[in-house]
Amino acid sequence: MIRPIEKDQLFLQQKAQPATPADRQVMQDLKDTLALTPRAVSVWRPT
């Protein structure tokens, strides 16, 4: 899933809450992104 980058400074300054089972999809999205990042970076070539 593609999510927009959060840029709101007030939101980003809030203290984080512990993850719960309801956050499982967000955790999976992050794992998927991190798993694909090395491949995406290795394919990219600056012009």
PDB file of N, CA and C in Angstrom:
ATOM      1  N   MET A   1       0.849  -1.173   0.000  1.00  0.00           N
ATOM      2  CA  MET A   1       0.000   0.000   0.000  1.00  0.00           C
ATOM      3  C   MET A   1       0.898   1.240   0.000  1.00  0.00           C
ATOM      4  N   ILE A   2       0.543   2.217  -0.749  1.00  0.00           N
ATOM      5  CA  ILE A   2       1.289   3.464  -0.796  1.00  0.00           C
ATOM      6  C   ILE A   2       0.624   4.452   0.156  1.00  0.00           C
ATOM      7  N   ARG A   3       1.431   5.003   1.039  1.00  0.00           N
ATOM      8  CA  ARG A   3       0.916   5.974   1.994  1.00  0.00           C
ATOM      9  C   ARG A   3       1.644   7.296   1.782  1.00  0.00           C
ATOM     10  N   PRO A   4       0.965   8.423   1.977  1.00  0.00           N
ATOM     11  CA  PRO A   4       1.646   9.710   1.830  1.00  0.00           C
ATOM     12  C   PRO A   4       2.661   9.913   2.954  1.00  0.00           C
ATOM     13  N   ILE A   5       3.705  10.668   2.687  1.00  0.00           N
ATOM     14  CA  ILE A   5       4.709  10.973   3.692  1.00  0.00           C
ATOM     15  C   ILE A   5       4.134  12.003   4.653  1.00  0.00           C
ATOM     16  N   GLU A   6       4.198  11.704   5.941  1.00  0.00           N
ATOM     17  CA  GLU A   6       3.690  12.623   6.962  1.00  0.00           C
ATOM     18  C   GLU A   6       4.689  13.752   7.168  1.00  0.00           C
ATOM     19  N   LYS A   7       4.244  14.992   7.046  1.00  0.00           N
ATOM     20  CA  LYS A   7       5.119  16.152   7.169  1.00  0.00           C
ATOM     21  C   LYS A   7       4.669  17.109   8.267  1.00  0.00           C
ATOM     22  N   ASP A   8       3.549  16.847   8.899  1.00  0.00           N
ATOM     23  CA  ASP A   8       2.999  17.729   9.931  1.00  0.00           C
ATOM     24  C   ASP A   8       3.886  17.680  11.180  1.00  0.00           C
ATOM     25  N   GLN A   9       4.571  18.802  11.470  1.00  0.00           N
ATOM     26  CA  GLN A   9       5.518  18.853  12.586  1.00  0.00           C
ATOM     27  C   GLN A   9       4.846  18.569  13.931  1.00  0.00           C
ATOM     28  N   LEU A  10       3.637  19.079  14.138  1.00  0.00           N
ATOM     29  CA  LEU A  10       2.946  18.816  15.405  1.00  0.00           C
ATOM     30  C   LEU A  10       2.635  17.331  15.557  1.00  0.00           C
ATOM     31  N   PHE A  11       2.227  16.695  14.489  1.00  0.00           N
ATOM     32  CA  PHE A  11       1.949  15.261  14.535  1.00  0.00           C
ATOM     33  C   PHE A  11       3.228  14.473  14.807  1.00  0.00           C
ATOM     34  N   LEU A  12       4.312  14.840  14.128  1.00  0.00           N
ATOM     35  CA  LEU A  12       5.568  14.103  14.261  1.00  0.00           C
ATOM     36  C   LEU A  12       6.224  14.303  15.625  1.00  0.00           C
ATOM     37  N   GLN A  13       5.857  15.349  16.352  1.00  0.00           N
ATOM     38  CA  GLN A  13       6.429  15.596  17.666  1.00  0.00           C
ATOM     39  C   GLN A  13       5.710  14.843  18.781  1.00  0.00           C
ATOM     40  N   GLN A  14       4.598  14.190  18.461  1.00  0.00           N
ATOM     41  CA  GLN A  14       3.847  13.462  19.480  1.00  0.00           C
ATOM     42  C   GLN A  14       4.608  12.220  19.925  1.00  0.00           C
ATOM     43  N   LYS A  15       4.443  11.881  21.206  1.00  0.00           N
ATOM     44  CA  LYS A  15       5.052  10.676  21.737  1.00  0.00           C
ATOM     45  C   LYS A  15       4.375   9.461  21.110  1.00  0.00           C
ATOM     46  N   ALA A  16       5.174   8.484  20.720  1.00  0.00           N
ATOM     47  CA  ALA A  16       4.641   7.271  20.087  1.00  0.00           C
ATOM     48  C   ALA A  16       3.936   6.392  21.122  1.00  0.00           C
ATOM     49  N   GLN A  17       2.940   5.675  20.658  1.00  0.00           N
ATOM     50  CA  GLN A  17       2.229   4.716  21.488  1.00  0.00           C
ATOM     51  C   GLN A  17       2.703   3.307  21.120  1.00  0.00           C
ATOM     52  N   PRO A  18       2.673   2.364  22.042  1.00  0.00           N
ATOM     53  CA  PRO A  18       3.052   0.987  21.704  1.00  0.00           C
ATOM     54  C   PRO A  18       2.138   0.425  20.604  1.00  0.00           C
ATOM     55  N   ALA A  19       2.707  -0.402  19.758  1.00  0.00           N
ATOM     56  CA  ALA A  19       1.923  -1.035  18.688  1.00  0.00           C
ATOM     57  C   ALA A  19       0.956  -2.052  19.297  1.00  0.00           C
ATOM     58  N   THR A  20      -0.167  -2.227  18.617  1.00  0.00           N
ATOM     59  CA  THR A  20      -1.177  -3.198  19.039  1.00  0.00           C
ATOM     60  C   THR A  20      -1.476  -4.117  17.863  1.00  0.00           C
ATOM     61  N   PRO A  21      -2.213  -5.187  18.087  1.00  0.00           N
ATOM     62  CA  PRO A  21      -2.581  -6.057  16.967  1.00  0.00           C
ATOM     63  C   PRO A  21      -3.319  -5.306  15.845  1.00  0.00           C
ATOM     64  N   ALA A  22      -3.974  -4.199  16.165  1.00  0.00           N
ATOM     65  CA  ALA A  22      -4.675  -3.416  15.141  1.00  0.00           C
ATOM     66  C   ALA A  22      -3.695  -2.759  14.169  1.00  0.00           C
ATOM     67  N   ASP A  23      -2.428  -2.648  14.559  1.00  0.00           N
ATOM     68  CA  ASP A  23      -1.400  -2.026  13.721  1.00  0.00           C
ATOM     69  C   ASP A  23      -0.694  -3.034  12.815  1.00  0.00           C
ATOM     70  N   ARG A  24      -1.144  -4.245  12.782  1.00  0.00           N
ATOM     71  CA  ARG A  24      -0.476  -5.310  12.039  1.00  0.00           C
ATOM     72  C   ARG A  24      -0.271  -4.970  10.562  1.00  0.00           C
ATOM     73  N   GLN A  25      -1.259  -4.371   9.898  1.00  0.00           N
ATOM     74  CA  GLN A  25      -1.116  -4.051   8.471  1.00  0.00           C
ATOM     75  C   GLN A  25      -0.057  -2.973   8.251  1.00  0.00           C
ATOM     76  N   VAL A  26       0.001  -2.000   9.144  1.00  0.00           N
ATOM     77  CA  VAL A  26       1.033  -0.960   9.034  1.00  0.00           C
ATOM     78  C   VAL A  26       2.413  -1.590   9.188  1.00  0.00           C
ATOM     79  N   MET A  27       2.554  -2.497  10.137  1.00  0.00           N
ATOM     80  CA  MET A  27       3.840  -3.179  10.332  1.00  0.00           C
ATOM     81  C   MET A  27       4.226  -3.983   9.090  1.00  0.00           C
ATOM     82  N   GLN A  28       3.254  -4.652   8.496  1.00  0.00           N
ATOM     83  CA  GLN A  28       3.542  -5.444   7.295  1.00  0.00           C
ATOM     84  C   GLN A  28       3.933  -4.544   6.127  1.00  0.00           C
ATOM     85  N   ASP A  29       3.263  -3.402   5.988  1.00  0.00           N
ATOM     86  CA  ASP A  29       3.628  -2.442   4.934  1.00  0.00           C
ATOM     87  C   ASP A  29       5.069  -1.980   5.098  1.00  0.00           C
ATOM     88  N   LEU A  30       5.463  -1.684   6.328  1.00  0.00           N
ATOM     89  CA  LEU A  30       6.833  -1.241   6.588  1.00  0.00           C
ATOM     90  C   LEU A  30       7.835  -2.349   6.274  1.00  0.00           C
ATOM     91  N   LYS A  31       7.528  -3.578   6.687  1.00  0.00           N
ATOM     92  CA  LYS A  31       8.418  -4.705   6.384  1.00  0.00           C
ATOM     93  C   LYS A  31       8.565  -4.904   4.881  1.00  0.00           C
ATOM     94  N   ASP A  32       7.458  -4.793   4.151  1.00  0.00           N
ATOM     95  CA  ASP A  32       7.503  -4.944   2.693  1.00  0.00           C
ATOM     96  C   ASP A  32       8.370  -3.856   2.057  1.00  0.00           C
ATOM     97  N   THR A  33       8.201  -2.615   2.525  1.00  0.00           N
ATOM     98  CA  THR A  33       8.986  -1.498   1.987  1.00  0.00           C
ATOM     99  C   THR A  33      10.468  -1.713   2.249  1.00  0.00           C
ATOM    100  N   LEU A  34      10.814  -2.082   3.475  1.00  0.00           N
ATOM    101  CA  LEU A  34      12.219  -2.288   3.814  1.00  0.00           C
ATOM    102  C   LEU A  34      12.815  -3.469   3.053  1.00  0.00           C
ATOM    103  N   ALA A  35      12.026  -4.492   2.813  1.00  0.00           N
ATOM    104  CA  ALA A  35      12.521  -5.648   2.077  1.00  0.00           C
ATOM    105  C   ALA A  35      12.810  -5.303   0.618  1.00  0.00           C
ATOM    106  N   LEU A  36      12.044  -4.387   0.037  1.00  0.00           N
ATOM    107  CA  LEU A  36      12.221  -4.026  -1.367  1.00  0.00           C
ATOM    108  C   LEU A  36      13.234  -2.904  -1.584  1.00  0.00           C
ATOM    109  N   THR A  37      13.534  -2.142  -0.558  1.00  0.00           N
ATOM    110  CA  THR A  37      14.410  -0.991  -0.705  1.00  0.00           C
ATOM    111  C   THR A  37      15.784  -1.331  -1.273  1.00  0.00           C
ATOM    112  N   PRO A  38      16.506  -2.345  -0.793  1.00  0.00           N
ATOM    113  CA  PRO A  38      17.835  -2.623  -1.368  1.00  0.00           C
ATOM    114  C   PRO A  38      17.780  -2.923  -2.862  1.00  0.00           C
ATOM    115  N   ARG A  39      16.761  -3.644  -3.296  1.00  0.00           N
ATOM    116  CA  ARG A  39      16.625  -3.945  -4.723  1.00  0.00           C
ATOM    117  C   ARG A  39      16.314  -2.692  -5.520  1.00  0.00           C
ATOM    118  N   ALA A  40      15.445  -1.837  -5.008  1.00  0.00           N
ATOM    119  CA  ALA A  40      15.079  -0.617  -5.726  1.00  0.00           C
ATOM    120  C   ALA A  40      16.285   0.304  -5.851  1.00  0.00           C
ATOM    121  N   VAL A  41      17.062   0.421  -4.813  1.00  0.00           N
ATOM    122  CA  VAL A  41      18.236   1.292  -4.838  1.00  0.00           C
ATOM    123  C   VAL A  41      19.304   0.730  -5.761  1.00  0.00           C
ATOM    124  N   SER A  42      19.467  -0.591  -5.773  1.00  0.00           N
ATOM    125  CA  SER A  42      20.513  -1.179  -6.609  1.00  0.00           C
ATOM    126  C   SER A  42      20.195  -1.073  -8.091  1.00  0.00           C
ATOM    127  N   VAL A  43      18.927  -0.933  -8.453  1.00  0.00           N
ATOM    128  CA  VAL A  43      18.532  -0.824  -9.862  1.00  0.00           C
ATOM    129  C   VAL A  43      18.625   0.621 -10.329  1.00  0.00           C
ATOM    130  N   TRP A  44      18.414   1.590  -9.423  1.00  0.00           N
ATOM    131  CA  TRP A  44      18.416   3.005  -9.793  1.00  0.00           C
ATOM    132  C   TRP A  44      19.810   3.445 -10.187  1.00  0.00           C
ATOM    133  N   ARG A  45      19.889   4.161 -11.277  1.00  0.00           N
ATOM    134  CA  ARG A  45      21.163   4.705 -11.747  1.00  0.00           C
ATOM    135  C   ARG A  45      20.964   6.192 -12.032  1.00  0.00           C
ATOM    136  N   PRO A  46      21.779   7.063 -11.431  1.00  0.00           N
ATOM    137  CA  PRO A  46      21.621   8.501 -11.703  1.00  0.00           C
ATOM    138  C   PRO A  46      21.957   8.819 -13.149  1.00  0.00           C
ATOM    139  N   THR A  47      21.302   9.812 -13.707  1.00  0.00           N
ATOM    140  CA  THR A  47      21.561  10.198 -15.101  1.00  0.00           C
ATOM    141  C   THR A  47      22.413  11.437 -15.170  1.00  0.00           C
TER     142      THR A  47
END
